[in-house]
Amino acid sequence: MLNGEFRKKFDAESNAFNKAAIKQDFLFFMKKMDSIENVALIGALLKVRNLEDLSSLKLQNKNTIADNSFEISPVTDKAADYPGGINALRQEVARLFYTDGVYSEVKMVKANVAFIVEKDGSVSHVNAQGENFTFNRQAEIALYSLSEKFSPAIINGGPVRYRFKLPLTMNID
């Protein structure tokens, strides 16, 4: 809708200088909208991390876990897999990644992202480790924002929790 309104205003203007100003206004507006969305996503990331931490504390306090439903399996019959494979996962993460939210003095930033693929294929406990804090947070947001679930890891025909690691690298221009 916003794109259409700016387009109408742009097309109706005959003066080239005013057209350039309208285009600049549109680009500035869209950058601000991206920034607002990023702030909201960072807030959502904090909320998710807090909820995961609280659930971990509740489990530790109970100390009465009768089964191994919260264990992470290091060896599986079948590892967890993203629909379309690792390349599809990388493409989806790249699509979801908010590059304007990364501030870096160096051209190349890296992070190793570890997360849990739950028995239902959802992602939890995402933790990015790298030298650039803003890159790490954007990587975590991208992983939590995946549109599809993984196929879970399998042991003895049943789904299990699985630790997944994904190295990420980005070149900043």
N, C-alpha and C. Protein backbone atom coordinates (compact mmCIF):
# COMPACT_ATOMS: atom_id res chain seq x y z
N MET A 1 0.83 -1.18 0.00
CA MET A 1 0.00 0.00 0.00
C MET A 1 0.88 1.26 0.00
N LEU A 2 1.85 1.30 0.89
CA LEU A 2 2.74 2.46 0.94
C LEU A 2 3.52 2.62 -0.36
N ASN A 3 3.98 1.50 -0.88
CA ASN A 3 4.71 1.52 -2.13
C ASN A 3 3.83 2.11 -3.24
N GLY A 4 2.57 1.71 -3.28
CA GLY A 4 1.63 2.22 -4.28
C GLY A 4 1.39 3.71 -4.15
N GLU A 5 1.26 4.18 -2.92
CA GLU A 5 1.02 5.61 -2.71
C GLU A 5 2.23 6.45 -3.11
N PHE A 6 3.42 5.98 -2.76
CA PHE A 6 4.62 6.70 -3.18
C PHE A 6 4.74 6.67 -4.71
N ARG A 7 4.40 5.53 -5.32
CA ARG A 7 4.47 5.40 -6.77
C ARG A 7 3.52 6.39 -7.45
N LYS A 8 2.29 6.53 -6.91
CA LYS A 8 1.32 7.49 -7.47
C LYS A 8 1.88 8.91 -7.42
N LYS A 9 2.42 9.26 -6.26
CA LYS A 9 2.97 10.60 -6.08
C LYS A 9 4.15 10.82 -7.02
N PHE A 10 5.00 9.79 -7.16
CA PHE A 10 6.17 9.87 -8.03
C PHE A 10 5.75 10.03 -9.50
N ASP A 11 4.78 9.20 -9.94
CA ASP A 11 4.32 9.25 -11.33
C ASP A 11 3.61 10.55 -11.67
N ALA A 12 2.92 11.14 -10.69
CA ALA A 12 2.18 12.38 -10.92
C ALA A 12 3.09 13.60 -11.02
N GLU A 13 4.29 13.47 -10.48
CA GLU A 13 5.22 14.62 -10.47
C GLU A 13 5.97 14.71 -11.80
N SER A 14 6.03 15.91 -12.38
CA SER A 14 6.71 16.09 -13.66
C SER A 14 8.13 16.65 -13.48
N ASN A 15 8.37 17.36 -12.40
CA ASN A 15 9.67 17.97 -12.15
C ASN A 15 10.67 16.90 -11.69
N ALA A 16 11.79 16.77 -12.40
CA ALA A 16 12.80 15.75 -12.10
C ALA A 16 13.39 15.92 -10.70
N PHE A 17 13.60 17.17 -10.29
CA PHE A 17 14.15 17.43 -8.95
C PHE A 17 13.18 16.94 -7.88
N ASN A 18 11.89 17.21 -8.05
CA ASN A 18 10.87 16.76 -7.08
C ASN A 18 10.73 15.24 -7.10
N LYS A 19 10.88 14.64 -8.29
CA LYS A 19 10.83 13.17 -8.37
C LYS A 19 11.97 12.56 -7.55
N ALA A 20 13.14 13.13 -7.68
CA ALA A 20 14.29 12.63 -6.93
C ALA A 20 14.05 12.77 -5.43
N ALA A 21 13.45 13.90 -5.02
CA ALA A 21 13.14 14.11 -3.60
C ALA A 21 12.12 13.09 -3.11
N ILE A 22 11.11 12.78 -3.92
CA ILE A 22 10.09 11.79 -3.54
C ILE A 22 10.75 10.42 -3.39
N LYS A 23 11.65 10.08 -4.31
CA LYS A 23 12.34 8.79 -4.24
C LYS A 23 13.19 8.71 -2.98
N GLN A 24 13.91 9.78 -2.65
CA GLN A 24 14.73 9.82 -1.44
C GLN A 24 13.86 9.70 -0.19
N ASP A 25 12.72 10.37 -0.20
CA ASP A 25 11.79 10.27 0.94
C ASP A 25 11.32 8.83 1.12
N PHE A 26 11.01 8.18 0.00
CA PHE A 26 10.54 6.79 0.05
C PHE A 26 11.64 5.88 0.62
N LEU A 27 12.85 6.01 0.12
CA LEU A 27 13.96 5.18 0.61
C LEU A 27 14.24 5.41 2.09
N PHE A 28 14.20 6.68 2.51
CA PHE A 28 14.41 7.02 3.92
C PHE A 28 13.31 6.40 4.78
N PHE A 29 12.06 6.52 4.32
CA PHE A 29 10.92 5.98 5.05
C PHE A 29 11.04 4.46 5.20
N MET A 30 11.40 3.78 4.12
CA MET A 30 11.51 2.32 4.17
C MET A 30 12.65 1.89 5.09
N LYS A 31 13.74 2.64 5.09
CA LYS A 31 14.85 2.32 6.00
C LYS A 31 14.40 2.47 7.46
N LYS A 32 13.63 3.51 7.75
CA LYS A 32 13.10 3.70 9.10
C LYS A 32 12.16 2.56 9.48
N MET A 33 11.32 2.12 8.53
CA MET A 33 10.41 1.00 8.80
C MET A 33 11.20 -0.27 9.10
N ASP A 34 12.27 -0.52 8.33
CA ASP A 34 13.13 -1.67 8.60
C ASP A 34 13.75 -1.57 9.99
N SER A 35 14.17 -0.39 10.36
CA SER A 35 14.79 -0.18 11.67
C SER A 35 13.78 -0.45 12.79
N ILE A 36 12.55 0.03 12.60
CA ILE A 36 11.50 -0.21 13.61
C ILE A 36 11.22 -1.69 13.73
N GLU A 37 11.14 -2.39 12.58
CA GLU A 37 10.91 -3.83 12.60
C GLU A 37 12.06 -4.54 13.30
N ASN A 38 13.28 -4.10 13.07
CA ASN A 38 14.44 -4.71 13.71
C ASN A 38 14.38 -4.54 15.22
N VAL A 39 14.00 -3.38 15.69
CA VAL A 39 13.87 -3.15 17.13
C VAL A 39 12.82 -4.11 17.70
N ALA A 40 11.72 -4.29 16.98
CA ALA A 40 10.69 -5.21 17.44
C ALA A 40 11.21 -6.65 17.47
N LEU A 41 11.98 -7.03 16.46
CA LEU A 41 12.53 -8.39 16.42
C LEU A 41 13.55 -8.61 17.54
N ILE A 42 14.33 -7.60 17.86
CA ILE A 42 15.28 -7.73 18.98
C ILE A 42 14.51 -7.88 20.29
N GLY A 43 13.42 -7.14 20.44
CA GLY A 43 12.57 -7.30 21.62
C GLY A 43 11.99 -8.70 21.70
N ALA A 44 11.55 -9.23 20.56
CA ALA A 44 11.01 -10.59 20.54
C ALA A 44 12.09 -11.61 20.87
N LEU A 45 13.31 -11.38 20.37
CA LEU A 45 14.43 -12.27 20.69
C LEU A 45 14.67 -12.30 22.19
N LEU A 46 14.69 -11.15 22.82
CA LEU A 46 14.90 -11.08 24.27
C LEU A 46 13.79 -11.82 25.01
N LYS A 47 12.56 -11.67 24.56
CA LYS A 47 11.44 -12.35 25.21
C LYS A 47 11.59 -13.86 25.09
N VAL A 48 11.92 -14.34 23.91
CA VAL A 48 12.09 -15.78 23.70
C VAL A 48 13.22 -16.31 24.57
N ARG A 49 14.35 -15.60 24.58
CA ARG A 49 15.49 -16.05 25.39
C ARG A 49 15.12 -16.09 26.88
N ASN A 50 14.39 -15.07 27.34
CA ASN A 50 13.97 -15.05 28.74
C ASN A 50 13.04 -16.22 29.06
N LEU A 51 12.10 -16.52 28.16
CA LEU A 51 11.20 -17.65 28.38
C LEU A 51 11.96 -18.97 28.40
N GLU A 52 12.94 -19.12 27.50
CA GLU A 52 13.75 -20.34 27.50
C GLU A 52 14.55 -20.46 28.79
N ASP A 53 15.10 -19.36 29.26
CA ASP A 53 15.86 -19.38 30.51
C ASP A 53 14.96 -19.73 31.69
N LEU A 54 13.75 -19.16 31.71
CA LEU A 54 12.81 -19.47 32.79
C LEU A 54 12.41 -20.94 32.78
N SER A 55 12.16 -21.49 31.60
CA SER A 55 11.78 -22.91 31.55
C SER A 55 12.94 -23.79 32.00
N SER A 56 14.16 -23.42 31.69
CA SER A 56 15.33 -24.18 32.15
C SER A 56 15.45 -24.12 33.67
N LEU A 57 15.22 -22.94 34.25
CA LEU A 57 15.28 -22.80 35.70
C LEU A 57 14.21 -23.63 36.39
N LYS A 58 13.01 -23.66 35.82
CA LYS A 58 11.93 -24.46 36.41
C LYS A 58 12.29 -25.93 36.40
N LEU A 59 12.90 -26.39 35.30
CA LEU A 59 13.30 -27.80 35.21
C LEU A 59 14.40 -28.12 36.22
N GLN A 60 15.34 -27.21 36.40
CA GLN A 60 16.42 -27.45 37.35
C GLN A 60 15.89 -27.49 38.77
N ASN A 61 14.90 -26.64 39.07
CA ASN A 61 14.34 -26.61 40.42
C ASN A 61 13.53 -27.85 40.74
N LYS A 62 12.89 -28.44 39.75
CA LYS A 62 12.07 -29.63 39.99
C LYS A 62 12.92 -30.84 40.32
N ASN A 63 14.01 -31.03 39.57
CA ASN A 63 14.90 -32.18 39.77
C ASN A 63 14.16 -33.51 39.81
N THR A 64 13.02 -33.57 39.18
CA THR A 64 12.24 -34.81 39.19
C THR A 64 11.90 -35.24 37.78
N ILE A 65 12.78 -35.02 36.87
CA ILE A 65 12.52 -35.42 35.49
C ILE A 65 12.70 -36.93 35.41
N ALA A 66 11.60 -37.61 35.12
CA ALA A 66 11.61 -39.07 35.13
C ALA A 66 12.11 -39.65 33.81
N ASP A 67 12.00 -38.90 32.73
CA ASP A 67 12.46 -39.44 31.46
C ASP A 67 13.56 -38.55 30.89
N ASN A 68 14.05 -38.93 29.74
CA ASN A 68 15.14 -38.19 29.13
C ASN A 68 14.64 -37.25 28.04
N SER A 69 13.42 -36.73 28.17
CA SER A 69 12.83 -35.91 27.12
C SER A 69 13.55 -34.58 26.95
N PHE A 70 14.38 -34.20 27.91
CA PHE A 70 15.08 -32.93 27.80
C PHE A 70 16.56 -33.11 27.46
N GLU A 71 16.98 -34.34 27.28
CA GLU A 71 18.36 -34.59 26.90
C GLU A 71 18.54 -34.30 25.42
N ILE A 72 19.75 -33.90 25.07
CA ILE A 72 20.10 -33.66 23.68
C ILE A 72 20.92 -34.83 23.21
N SER A 73 20.49 -35.45 22.13
CA SER A 73 21.15 -36.66 21.66
C SER A 73 22.36 -36.35 20.79
N PRO A 74 23.54 -36.84 21.21
CA PRO A 74 24.74 -36.60 20.41
C PRO A 74 24.85 -37.57 19.23
N VAL A 75 24.30 -38.78 19.36
CA VAL A 75 24.37 -39.78 18.31
C VAL A 75 22.94 -40.14 17.93
N THR A 76 22.66 -40.13 16.63
CA THR A 76 21.30 -40.41 16.17
C THR A 76 21.33 -41.39 15.01
N ASP A 77 20.18 -42.00 14.74
CA ASP A 77 20.03 -42.83 13.55
C ASP A 77 19.90 -41.93 12.32
N LYS A 78 19.23 -40.80 12.51
CA LYS A 78 19.05 -39.82 11.43
C LYS A 78 19.15 -38.43 12.05
N ALA A 79 20.02 -37.59 11.51
CA ALA A 79 20.20 -36.23 12.03
C ALA A 79 19.02 -35.35 11.63
N ALA A 80 18.81 -34.27 12.37
CA ALA A 80 17.78 -33.30 12.01
C ALA A 80 18.14 -32.68 10.67
N ASP A 81 17.10 -32.34 9.88
CA ASP A 81 17.35 -31.80 8.55
C ASP A 81 16.31 -30.74 8.22
N TYR A 82 16.78 -29.66 7.58
CA TYR A 82 15.88 -28.59 7.15
C TYR A 82 15.31 -28.96 5.78
N PRO A 83 14.04 -28.65 5.52
CA PRO A 83 13.46 -28.97 4.21
C PRO A 83 14.29 -28.35 3.08
N GLY A 84 14.76 -29.17 2.17
CA GLY A 84 15.60 -28.69 1.08
C GLY A 84 17.08 -28.79 1.38
N GLY A 85 17.44 -29.14 2.62
CA GLY A 85 18.84 -29.34 2.97
C GLY A 85 19.52 -28.10 3.51
N ILE A 86 20.82 -28.22 3.73
CA ILE A 86 21.62 -27.17 4.35
C ILE A 86 21.67 -25.91 3.48
N ASN A 87 21.70 -26.07 2.15
CA ASN A 87 21.73 -24.89 1.29
C ASN A 87 20.43 -24.11 1.37
N ALA A 88 19.31 -24.80 1.47
CA ALA A 88 18.02 -24.13 1.64
C ALA A 88 17.99 -23.39 2.97
N LEU A 89 18.56 -23.99 4.01
CA LEU A 89 18.64 -23.33 5.32
C LEU A 89 19.48 -22.06 5.23
N ARG A 90 20.63 -22.14 4.59
CA ARG A 90 21.49 -20.97 4.44
C ARG A 90 20.78 -19.86 3.65
N GLN A 91 20.08 -20.22 2.59
CA GLN A 91 19.35 -19.23 1.79
C GLN A 91 18.25 -18.56 2.60
N GLU A 92 17.54 -19.35 3.40
CA GLU A 92 16.47 -18.79 4.22
C GLU A 92 17.03 -17.85 5.29
N VAL A 93 18.13 -18.25 5.91
CA VAL A 93 18.77 -17.38 6.91
C VAL A 93 19.24 -16.08 6.25
N ALA A 94 19.84 -16.19 5.07
CA ALA A 94 20.30 -14.99 4.35
C ALA A 94 19.11 -14.07 4.01
N ARG A 95 17.99 -14.66 3.63
CA ARG A 95 16.80 -13.87 3.29
C ARG A 95 16.24 -13.15 4.51
N LEU A 96 16.30 -13.79 5.65
CA LEU A 96 15.75 -13.23 6.88
C LEU A 96 16.71 -12.28 7.59
N PHE A 97 17.97 -12.31 7.21
CA PHE A 97 19.02 -11.54 7.89
C PHE A 97 18.86 -10.05 7.61
N TYR A 98 18.86 -9.23 8.65
CA TYR A 98 18.76 -7.78 8.53
C TYR A 98 20.16 -7.20 8.56
N THR A 99 20.74 -7.03 7.38
CA THR A 99 22.14 -6.60 7.29
C THR A 99 22.35 -5.18 7.79
N ASP A 100 21.34 -4.30 7.67
CA ASP A 100 21.50 -2.93 8.17
C ASP A 100 21.62 -2.88 9.68
N GLY A 101 21.28 -3.97 10.35
CA GLY A 101 21.40 -4.03 11.80
C GLY A 101 22.77 -4.48 12.27
N VAL A 102 23.69 -4.72 11.34
CA VAL A 102 25.04 -5.16 11.68
C VAL A 102 25.99 -3.99 11.54
N TYR A 103 26.71 -3.70 12.61
CA TYR A 103 27.70 -2.62 12.62
C TYR A 103 29.06 -3.24 12.79
N SER A 104 29.93 -2.97 11.82
CA SER A 104 31.25 -3.59 11.87
C SER A 104 32.30 -2.69 11.24
N GLU A 105 33.47 -2.73 11.82
CA GLU A 105 34.62 -2.01 11.28
C GLU A 105 35.37 -2.85 10.24
N VAL A 106 35.18 -4.16 10.29
CA VAL A 106 35.86 -5.06 9.37
C VAL A 106 34.91 -5.50 8.26
N LYS A 107 35.47 -5.93 7.13
CA LYS A 107 34.66 -6.31 5.97
C LYS A 107 33.98 -7.67 6.13
N MET A 108 34.61 -8.61 6.84
CA MET A 108 34.05 -9.94 6.97
C MET A 108 33.77 -10.26 8.43
N VAL A 109 32.54 -10.66 8.71
CA VAL A 109 32.16 -11.06 10.06
C VAL A 109 31.70 -12.51 10.04
N LYS A 110 31.99 -13.20 11.13
CA LYS A 110 31.66 -14.62 11.23
C LYS A 110 31.02 -14.92 12.57
N ALA A 111 30.22 -15.97 12.57
CA ALA A 111 29.64 -16.47 13.82
C ALA A 111 29.37 -17.95 13.65
N ASN A 112 29.46 -18.67 14.74
CA ASN A 112 29.02 -20.05 14.79
C ASN A 112 27.73 -20.06 15.58
N VAL A 113 26.66 -20.51 14.93
CA VAL A 113 25.34 -20.50 15.56
C VAL A 113 24.99 -21.92 15.96
N ALA A 114 24.74 -22.11 17.25
CA ALA A 114 24.31 -23.41 17.77
C ALA A 114 22.86 -23.26 18.23
N PHE A 115 22.06 -24.28 17.96
CA PHE A 115 20.66 -24.26 18.39
C PHE A 115 20.17 -25.68 18.56
N ILE A 116 19.01 -25.80 19.18
CA ILE A 116 18.40 -27.10 19.41
C ILE A 116 17.24 -27.26 18.42
N VAL A 117 17.22 -28.41 17.74
CA VAL A 117 16.05 -28.79 16.96
C VAL A 117 15.23 -29.69 17.88
N GLU A 118 14.06 -29.21 18.24
CA GLU A 118 13.20 -29.95 19.18
C GLU A 118 12.56 -31.16 18.50
N LYS A 119 11.91 -31.99 19.29
CA LYS A 119 11.27 -33.20 18.77
C LYS A 119 10.21 -32.89 17.73
N ASP A 120 9.60 -31.70 17.82
CA ASP A 120 8.57 -31.33 16.84
C ASP A 120 9.15 -30.60 15.63
N GLY A 121 10.49 -30.43 15.58
CA GLY A 121 11.15 -29.78 14.47
C GLY A 121 11.33 -28.28 14.64
N SER A 122 10.84 -27.73 15.73
CA SER A 122 11.00 -26.29 15.98
C SER A 122 12.41 -26.01 16.48
N VAL A 123 12.79 -24.73 16.43
CA VAL A 123 14.12 -24.29 16.83
C VAL A 123 14.03 -23.63 18.19
N SER A 124 14.98 -23.93 19.07
CA SER A 124 15.03 -23.27 20.39
C SER A 124 16.48 -23.09 20.80
N HIS A 125 16.68 -22.32 21.84
CA HIS A 125 17.99 -22.10 22.45
C HIS A 125 19.07 -21.74 21.43
N VAL A 126 18.76 -20.76 20.58
CA VAL A 126 19.71 -20.30 19.57
C VAL A 126 20.78 -19.45 20.25
N ASN A 127 22.04 -19.74 19.94
CA ASN A 127 23.14 -19.00 20.53
C ASN A 127 24.23 -18.81 19.49
N ALA A 128 24.46 -17.56 19.09
CA ALA A 128 25.49 -17.25 18.11
C ALA A 128 26.74 -16.75 18.84
N GLN A 129 27.88 -17.31 18.48
CA GLN A 129 29.15 -16.92 19.06
C GLN A 129 30.06 -16.41 17.94
N GLY A 130 30.49 -15.18 18.10
CA GLY A 130 31.40 -14.56 17.13
C GLY A 130 31.90 -13.26 17.71
N GLU A 131 32.79 -12.60 17.01
CA GLU A 131 33.38 -11.37 17.52
C GLU A 131 32.47 -10.15 17.41
N ASN A 132 31.46 -10.20 16.54
CA ASN A 132 30.60 -9.05 16.31
C ASN A 132 29.23 -9.27 16.97
N PHE A 133 28.96 -8.50 18.03
CA PHE A 133 27.72 -8.66 18.79
C PHE A 133 26.49 -8.45 17.92
N THR A 134 26.48 -7.42 17.08
CA THR A 134 25.29 -7.13 16.27
C THR A 134 25.05 -8.22 15.23
N PHE A 135 26.11 -8.77 14.66
CA PHE A 135 25.98 -9.89 13.72
C PHE A 135 25.40 -11.10 14.43
N ASN A 136 25.89 -11.37 15.64
CA ASN A 136 25.38 -12.51 16.42
C ASN A 136 23.88 -12.38 16.68
N ARG A 137 23.44 -11.18 17.10
CA ARG A 137 22.01 -11.00 17.40
C ARG A 137 21.15 -11.15 16.13
N GLN A 138 21.62 -10.61 15.01
CA GLN A 138 20.85 -10.74 13.77
C GLN A 138 20.79 -12.20 13.31
N ALA A 139 21.85 -12.95 13.53
CA ALA A 139 21.85 -14.38 13.19
C ALA A 139 20.84 -15.13 14.06
N GLU A 140 20.78 -14.81 15.34
CA GLU A 140 19.82 -15.45 16.24
C GLU A 140 18.39 -15.13 15.82
N ILE A 141 18.13 -13.87 15.49
CA ILE A 141 16.79 -13.48 15.04
C ILE A 141 16.41 -14.25 13.78
N ALA A 142 17.34 -14.35 12.84
CA ALA A 142 17.06 -15.06 11.58
C ALA A 142 16.71 -16.53 11.85
N LEU A 143 17.44 -17.18 12.76
CA LEU A 143 17.16 -18.59 13.04
C LEU A 143 15.81 -18.77 13.72
N TYR A 144 15.48 -17.89 14.65
CA TYR A 144 14.17 -17.99 15.31
C TYR A 144 13.03 -17.67 14.33
N SER A 145 13.33 -16.97 13.25
CA SER A 145 12.30 -16.54 12.30
C SER A 145 12.09 -17.51 11.14
N LEU A 146 12.76 -18.64 11.14
CA LEU A 146 12.61 -19.59 10.04
C LEU A 146 11.14 -19.93 9.82
N SER A 147 10.74 -19.98 8.57
CA SER A 147 9.33 -20.21 8.26
C SER A 147 8.94 -21.69 8.32
N GLU A 148 9.91 -22.57 8.13
CA GLU A 148 9.61 -24.00 8.14
C GLU A 148 10.31 -24.69 9.29
N LYS A 149 9.74 -25.82 9.68
CA LYS A 149 10.35 -26.62 10.74
C LYS A 149 11.31 -27.64 10.14
N PHE A 150 12.25 -28.07 10.95
CA PHE A 150 13.16 -29.13 10.59
C PHE A 150 12.42 -30.46 10.67
N SER A 151 12.94 -31.47 9.99
CA SER A 151 12.51 -32.83 10.30
C SER A 151 13.41 -33.21 11.48
N PRO A 152 12.84 -33.71 12.56
CA PRO A 152 13.64 -33.95 13.77
C PRO A 152 14.61 -35.12 13.59
N ALA A 153 15.59 -35.15 14.47
CA ALA A 153 16.53 -36.27 14.52
C ALA A 153 15.77 -37.50 15.04
N ILE A 154 16.23 -38.67 14.64
CA ILE A 154 15.54 -39.92 14.99
C ILE A 154 16.51 -40.89 15.66
N ILE A 155 16.05 -41.48 16.76
CA ILE A 155 16.74 -42.60 17.40
C ILE A 155 15.70 -43.68 17.66
N ASN A 156 15.99 -44.90 17.24
CA ASN A 156 15.09 -46.04 17.43
C ASN A 156 13.67 -45.73 16.96
N GLY A 157 13.56 -45.02 15.86
CA GLY A 157 12.26 -44.73 15.27
C GLY A 157 11.50 -43.57 15.89
N GLY A 158 12.05 -42.95 16.93
CA GLY A 158 11.35 -41.84 17.60
C GLY A 158 12.14 -40.54 17.51
N PRO A 159 11.43 -39.41 17.52
CA PRO A 159 12.11 -38.11 17.44
C PRO A 159 12.83 -37.78 18.75
N VAL A 160 13.97 -37.10 18.62
CA VAL A 160 14.75 -36.67 19.78
C VAL A 160 15.23 -35.24 19.56
N ARG A 161 15.61 -34.58 20.65
CA ARG A 161 16.22 -33.24 20.56
C ARG A 161 17.61 -33.39 19.99
N TYR A 162 18.02 -32.38 19.20
CA TYR A 162 19.29 -32.49 18.49
C TYR A 162 19.97 -31.12 18.45
N ARG A 163 21.26 -31.08 18.79
CA ARG A 163 22.03 -29.83 18.71
C ARG A 163 22.55 -29.69 17.29
N PHE A 164 22.23 -28.54 16.70
CA PHE A 164 22.62 -28.24 15.31
C PHE A 164 23.58 -27.07 15.34
N LYS A 165 24.61 -27.12 14.52
CA LYS A 165 25.57 -26.01 14.44
C LYS A 165 25.63 -25.52 13.00
N LEU A 166 25.64 -24.19 12.86
CA LEU A 166 25.65 -23.57 11.54
C LEU A 166 26.66 -22.42 11.53
N PRO A 167 27.76 -22.56 10.80
CA PRO A 167 28.70 -21.44 10.68
C PRO A 167 28.15 -20.42 9.67
N LEU A 168 28.24 -19.14 10.00
CA LEU A 168 27.78 -18.07 9.11
C LEU A 168 28.90 -17.06 8.89
N THR A 169 28.99 -16.56 7.67
CA THR A 169 29.96 -15.54 7.31
C THR A 169 29.25 -14.50 6.44
N MET A 170 29.57 -13.23 6.66
CA MET A 170 28.98 -12.16 5.85
C MET A 170 30.06 -11.15 5.48
N ASN A 171 30.06 -10.77 4.22
CA ASN A 171 30.95 -9.71 3.76
C ASN A 171 30.17 -8.41 3.75
N ILE A 172 30.70 -7.39 4.41
CA ILE A 172 30.05 -6.08 4.50
C ILE A 172 30.71 -5.14 3.52
N ASP A 173 29.88 -4.52 2.69
CA ASP A 173 30.41 -3.57 1.70
C ASP A 173 30.43 -2.16 2.22
